Amino acid sequence: MVAAKDDLLVPNTRSLALTERLREAKLALADHSVHAVNVTQAPWLDETILRFRQAV
């Protein structure tokens, strides 16, 4: 799961709560992405996805 620490539309506390309820879920938090992590943090997101894919 990917979320932004400063997301105003979906607070990261919701992502944290969901991650705690999903077995084997992982959460990656972007520092400054608001609600557009795929646009504002594209390189970080790409690297995060690649690390996840390598781990599974």
PDB file of N, CA and C in Angstrom:
ATOM      1  N   MET A   1       0.841  -1.145   0.000  1.00  0.00           N
ATOM      2  CA  MET A   1       0.000   0.000   0.000  1.00  0.00           C
ATOM      3  C   MET A   1       0.900   1.227   0.000  1.00  0.00           C
ATOM      4  N   VAL A   2       0.480   2.241  -0.739  1.00  0.00           N
ATOM      5  CA  VAL A   2       1.235   3.492  -0.831  1.00  0.00           C
ATOM      6  C   VAL A   2       0.328   4.630  -0.386  1.00  0.00           C
ATOM      7  N   ALA A   3       0.879   5.515   0.423  1.00  0.00           N
ATOM      8  CA  ALA A   3       0.134   6.685   0.882  1.00  0.00           C
ATOM      9  C   ALA A   3       1.103   7.844   1.058  1.00  0.00           C
ATOM     10  N   ALA A   4       0.531   9.018   1.208  1.00  0.00           N
ATOM     11  CA  ALA A   4       1.337  10.214   1.443  1.00  0.00           C
ATOM     12  C   ALA A   4       1.127  10.691   2.874  1.00  0.00           C
ATOM     13  N   LYS A   5       2.214  11.088   3.504  1.00  0.00           N
ATOM     14  CA  LYS A   5       2.120  11.576   4.882  1.00  0.00           C
ATOM     15  C   LYS A   5       1.269  12.832   4.986  1.00  0.00           C
ATOM     16  N   ASP A   6       1.252  13.633   3.917  1.00  0.00           N
ATOM     17  CA  ASP A   6       0.536  14.903   3.956  1.00  0.00           C
ATOM     18  C   ASP A   6      -0.742  14.903   3.110  1.00  0.00           C
ATOM     19  N   ASP A   7      -1.315  13.732   2.877  1.00  0.00           N
ATOM     20  CA  ASP A   7      -2.542  13.628   2.081  1.00  0.00           C
ATOM     21  C   ASP A   7      -3.720  14.198   2.870  1.00  0.00           C
ATOM     22  N   LEU A   8      -4.377  15.188   2.297  1.00  0.00           N
ATOM     23  CA  LEU A   8      -5.516  15.813   2.971  1.00  0.00           C
ATOM     24  C   LEU A   8      -6.836  15.130   2.632  1.00  0.00           C
ATOM     25  N   LEU A   9      -6.892  14.442   1.489  1.00  0.00           N
ATOM     26  CA  LEU A   9      -8.125  13.769   1.084  1.00  0.00           C
ATOM     27  C   LEU A   9      -8.317  12.440   1.810  1.00  0.00           C
ATOM     28  N   VAL A  10      -7.236  11.673   1.911  1.00  0.00           N
ATOM     29  CA  VAL A  10      -7.277  10.388   2.620  1.00  0.00           C
ATOM     30  C   VAL A  10      -6.112  10.393   3.615  1.00  0.00           C
ATOM     31  N   PRO A  11      -6.369  10.739   4.856  1.00  0.00           N
ATOM     32  CA  PRO A  11      -5.291  10.812   5.846  1.00  0.00           C
ATOM     33  C   PRO A  11      -4.534   9.482   5.954  1.00  0.00           C
ATOM     34  N   ASN A  12      -3.229   9.579   6.139  1.00  0.00           N
ATOM     35  CA  ASN A  12      -2.420   8.356   6.207  1.00  0.00           C
ATOM     36  C   ASN A  12      -2.798   7.472   7.392  1.00  0.00           C
ATOM     37  N   THR A  13      -3.507   8.013   8.355  1.00  0.00           N
ATOM     38  CA  THR A  13      -3.972   7.181   9.468  1.00  0.00           C
ATOM     39  C   THR A  13      -4.945   6.104   8.975  1.00  0.00           C
ATOM     40  N   ARG A  14      -5.685   6.410   7.914  1.00  0.00           N
ATOM     41  CA  ARG A  14      -6.601   5.415   7.332  1.00  0.00           C
ATOM     42  C   ARG A  14      -5.796   4.294   6.676  1.00  0.00           C
ATOM     43  N   SER A  15      -4.725   4.654   5.989  1.00  0.00           N
ATOM     44  CA  SER A  15      -3.863   3.647   5.358  1.00  0.00           C
ATOM     45  C   SER A  15      -3.176   2.797   6.412  1.00  0.00           C
ATOM     46  N   LEU A  16      -2.739   3.438   7.489  1.00  0.00           N
ATOM     47  CA  LEU A  16      -2.119   2.691   8.587  1.00  0.00           C
ATOM     48  C   LEU A  16      -3.102   1.698   9.186  1.00  0.00           C
ATOM     49  N   ALA A  17      -4.334   2.132   9.410  1.00  0.00           N
ATOM     50  CA  ALA A  17      -5.348   1.251   9.995  1.00  0.00           C
ATOM     51  C   ALA A  17      -5.649   0.076   9.076  1.00  0.00           C
ATOM     52  N   LEU A  18      -5.751   0.338   7.787  1.00  0.00           N
ATOM     53  CA  LEU A  18      -6.026  -0.734   6.839  1.00  0.00           C
ATOM     54  C   LEU A  18      -4.859  -1.714   6.761  1.00  0.00           C
ATOM     55  N   THR A  19      -3.647  -1.190   6.773  1.00  0.00           N
ATOM     56  CA  THR A  19      -2.462  -2.048   6.724  1.00  0.00           C
ATOM     57  C   THR A  19      -2.412  -2.975   7.933  1.00  0.00           C
ATOM     58  N   GLU A  20      -2.805  -2.472   9.085  1.00  0.00           N
ATOM     59  CA  GLU A  20      -2.804  -3.296  10.297  1.00  0.00           C
ATOM     60  C   GLU A  20      -3.821  -4.427  10.210  1.00  0.00           C
ATOM     61  N   ARG A  21      -4.878  -4.235   9.448  1.00  0.00           N
ATOM     62  CA  ARG A  21      -5.930  -5.249   9.346  1.00  0.00           C
ATOM     63  C   ARG A  21      -5.682  -6.279   8.248  1.00  0.00           C
ATOM     64  N   LEU A  22      -4.825  -5.952   7.304  1.00  0.00           N
ATOM     65  CA  LEU A  22      -4.546  -6.865   6.194  1.00  0.00           C
ATOM     66  C   LEU A  22      -3.289  -7.670   6.489  1.00  0.00           C
ATOM     67  N   ARG A  23      -3.453  -8.969   6.520  1.00  0.00           N
ATOM     68  CA  ARG A  23      -2.319  -9.840   6.802  1.00  0.00           C
ATOM     69  C   ARG A  23      -1.261  -9.669   5.722  1.00  0.00           C
ATOM     70  N   GLU A  24      -0.031  -9.537   6.136  1.00  0.00           N
ATOM     71  CA  GLU A  24       1.130  -9.398   5.266  1.00  0.00           C
ATOM     72  C   GLU A  24       1.150  -8.112   4.458  1.00  0.00           C
ATOM     73  N   ALA A  25       0.323  -7.151   4.795  1.00  0.00           N
ATOM     74  CA  ALA A  25       0.323  -5.869   4.081  1.00  0.00           C
ATOM     75  C   ALA A  25       1.544  -5.053   4.472  1.00  0.00           C
ATOM     76  N   LYS A  26       2.029  -4.282   3.537  1.00  0.00           N
ATOM     77  CA  LYS A  26       3.141  -3.362   3.761  1.00  0.00           C
ATOM     78  C   LYS A  26       2.670  -1.976   3.368  1.00  0.00           C
ATOM     79  N   LEU A  27       3.169  -0.975   4.070  1.00  0.00           N
ATOM     80  CA  LEU A  27       2.799   0.401   3.781  1.00  0.00           C
ATOM     81  C   LEU A  27       4.056   1.212   3.505  1.00  0.00           C
ATOM     82  N   ALA A  28       4.043   1.925   2.403  1.00  0.00           N
ATOM     83  CA  ALA A  28       5.115   2.857   2.057  1.00  0.00           C
ATOM     84  C   ALA A  28       4.531   4.257   2.106  1.00  0.00           C
ATOM     85  N   LEU A  29       5.140   5.130   2.900  1.00  0.00           N
ATOM     86  CA  LEU A  29       4.644   6.498   3.049  1.00  0.00           C
ATOM     87  C   LEU A  29       5.579   7.483   2.349  1.00  0.00           C
ATOM     88  N   ALA A  30       5.031   8.232   1.419  1.00  0.00           N
ATOM     89  CA  ALA A  30       5.783   9.294   0.744  1.00  0.00           C
ATOM     90  C   ALA A  30       5.748  10.541   1.628  1.00  0.00           C
ATOM     91  N   ASP A  31       6.829  11.282   1.634  1.00  0.00           N
ATOM     92  CA  ASP A  31       6.911  12.459   2.500  1.00  0.00           C
ATOM     93  C   ASP A  31       6.003  13.605   2.051  1.00  0.00           C
ATOM     94  N   HIS A  32       6.128  14.024   0.826  1.00  0.00           N
ATOM     95  CA  HIS A  32       5.405  15.210   0.352  1.00  0.00           C
ATOM     96  C   HIS A  32       4.771  14.917  -1.000  1.00  0.00           C
ATOM     97  N   SER A  33       3.584  14.384  -0.988  1.00  0.00           N
ATOM     98  CA  SER A  33       2.926  14.021  -2.238  1.00  0.00           C
ATOM     99  C   SER A  33       1.478  14.435  -2.297  1.00  0.00           C
ATOM    100  N   VAL A  34       0.968  14.944  -1.210  1.00  0.00           N
ATOM    101  CA  VAL A  34      -0.440  15.295  -1.092  1.00  0.00           C
ATOM    102  C   VAL A  34      -1.269  14.086  -1.526  1.00  0.00           C
ATOM    103  N   HIS A  35      -2.031  14.159  -2.595  1.00  0.00           N
ATOM    104  CA  HIS A  35      -2.854  13.026  -3.032  1.00  0.00           C
ATOM    105  C   HIS A  35      -2.462  12.584  -4.447  1.00  0.00           C
ATOM    106  N   ALA A  36      -1.230  12.878  -4.837  1.00  0.00           N
ATOM    107  CA  ALA A  36      -0.797  12.586  -6.208  1.00  0.00           C
ATOM    108  C   ALA A  36       0.600  11.980  -6.227  1.00  0.00           C
ATOM    109  N   VAL A  37       0.803  10.952  -5.424  1.00  0.00           N
ATOM    110  CA  VAL A  37       2.132  10.357  -5.296  1.00  0.00           C
ATOM    111  C   VAL A  37       2.683   9.884  -6.642  1.00  0.00           C
ATOM    112  N   ASN A  38       1.826   9.399  -7.526  1.00  0.00           N
ATOM    113  CA  ASN A  38       2.300   8.924  -8.825  1.00  0.00           C
ATOM    114  C   ASN A  38       2.785  10.071  -9.705  1.00  0.00           C
ATOM    115  N   VAL A  39       2.376  11.295  -9.420  1.00  0.00           N
ATOM    116  CA  VAL A  39       2.811  12.457 -10.194  1.00  0.00           C
ATOM    117  C   VAL A  39       3.963  13.167  -9.497  1.00  0.00           C
ATOM    118  N   THR A  40       3.803  13.462  -8.221  1.00  0.00           N
ATOM    119  CA  THR A  40       4.788  14.272  -7.501  1.00  0.00           C
ATOM    120  C   THR A  40       6.019  13.489  -7.049  1.00  0.00           C
ATOM    121  N   GLN A  41       5.883  12.196  -6.894  1.00  0.00           N
ATOM    122  CA  GLN A  41       6.993  11.366  -6.414  1.00  0.00           C
ATOM    123  C   GLN A  41       7.195  10.137  -7.311  1.00  0.00           C
ATOM    124  N   ALA A  42       7.095  10.329  -8.610  1.00  0.00           N
ATOM    125  CA  ALA A  42       7.162   9.204  -9.548  1.00  0.00           C
ATOM    126  C   ALA A  42       8.422   8.340  -9.388  1.00  0.00           C
ATOM    127  N   PRO A  43       9.616   8.908  -9.319  1.00  0.00           N
ATOM    128  CA  PRO A  43      10.810   8.060  -9.143  1.00  0.00           C
ATOM    129  C   PRO A  43      10.762   7.244  -7.845  1.00  0.00           C
ATOM    130  N   TRP A  44      10.321   7.883  -6.764  1.00  0.00           N
ATOM    131  CA  TRP A  44      10.209   7.175  -5.486  1.00  0.00           C
ATOM    132  C   TRP A  44       9.206   6.035  -5.599  1.00  0.00           C
ATOM    133  N   LEU A  45       8.065   6.296  -6.234  1.00  0.00           N
ATOM    134  CA  LEU A  45       7.040   5.265  -6.401  1.00  0.00           C
ATOM    135  C   LEU A  45       7.563   4.110  -7.242  1.00  0.00           C
ATOM    136  N   ASP A  46       8.259   4.419  -8.336  1.00  0.00           N
ATOM    137  CA  ASP A  46       8.833   3.369  -9.182  1.00  0.00           C
ATOM    138  C   ASP A  46       9.770   2.473  -8.374  1.00  0.00           C
ATOM    139  N   GLU A  47      10.643   3.081  -7.595  1.00  0.00           N
ATOM    140  CA  GLU A  47      11.594   2.322  -6.775  1.00  0.00           C
ATOM    141  C   GLU A  47      10.872   1.493  -5.721  1.00  0.00           C
ATOM    142  N   THR A  48       9.847   2.047  -5.123  1.00  0.00           N
ATOM    143  CA  THR A  48       9.066   1.336  -4.115  1.00  0.00           C
ATOM    144  C   THR A  48       8.395   0.105  -4.714  1.00  0.00           C
ATOM    145  N   ILE A  49       7.824   0.257  -5.887  1.00  0.00           N
ATOM    146  CA  ILE A  49       7.169  -0.869  -6.561  1.00  0.00           C
ATOM    147  C   ILE A  49       8.192  -1.936  -6.951  1.00  0.00           C
ATOM    148  N   LEU A  50       9.338  -1.519  -7.468  1.00  0.00           N
ATOM    149  CA  LEU A  50      10.378  -2.479  -7.836  1.00  0.00           C
ATOM    150  C   LEU A  50      10.870  -3.275  -6.633  1.00  0.00           C
ATOM    151  N   ARG A  51      11.071  -2.600  -5.497  1.00  0.00           N
ATOM    152  CA  ARG A  51      11.498  -3.315  -4.268  1.00  0.00           C
ATOM    153  C   ARG A  51      10.442  -4.323  -3.839  1.00  0.00           C
ATOM    154  N   PHE A  52       9.175  -3.932  -3.914  1.00  0.00           N
ATOM    155  CA  PHE A  52       8.106  -4.845  -3.556  1.00  0.00           C
ATOM    156  C   PHE A  52       8.086  -6.056  -4.476  1.00  0.00           C
ATOM    157  N   ARG A  53       8.198  -5.840  -5.748  1.00  0.00           N
ATOM    158  CA  ARG A  53       8.166  -6.952  -6.711  1.00  0.00           C
ATOM    159  C   ARG A  53       9.338  -7.898  -6.506  1.00  0.00           C
ATOM    160  N   GLN A  54      10.492  -7.372  -6.161  1.00  0.00           N
ATOM    161  CA  GLN A  54      11.660  -8.217  -5.924  1.00  0.00           C
ATOM    162  C   GLN A  54      11.497  -9.046  -4.647  1.00  0.00           C
ATOM    163  N   ALA A  55      10.725  -8.534  -3.710  1.00  0.00           N
ATOM    164  CA  ALA A  55      10.556  -9.214  -2.427  1.00  0.00           C
ATOM    165  C   ALA A  55       9.543 -10.359  -2.494  1.00  0.00           C
ATOM    166  N   VAL A  56       8.666 -10.331  -3.454  1.00  0.00           N
ATOM    167  CA  VAL A  56       7.642 -11.384  -3.537  1.00  0.00           C
ATOM    168  C   VAL A  56       7.940 -12.378  -4.622  1.00  0.00           C
TER     169      VAL A  56
END
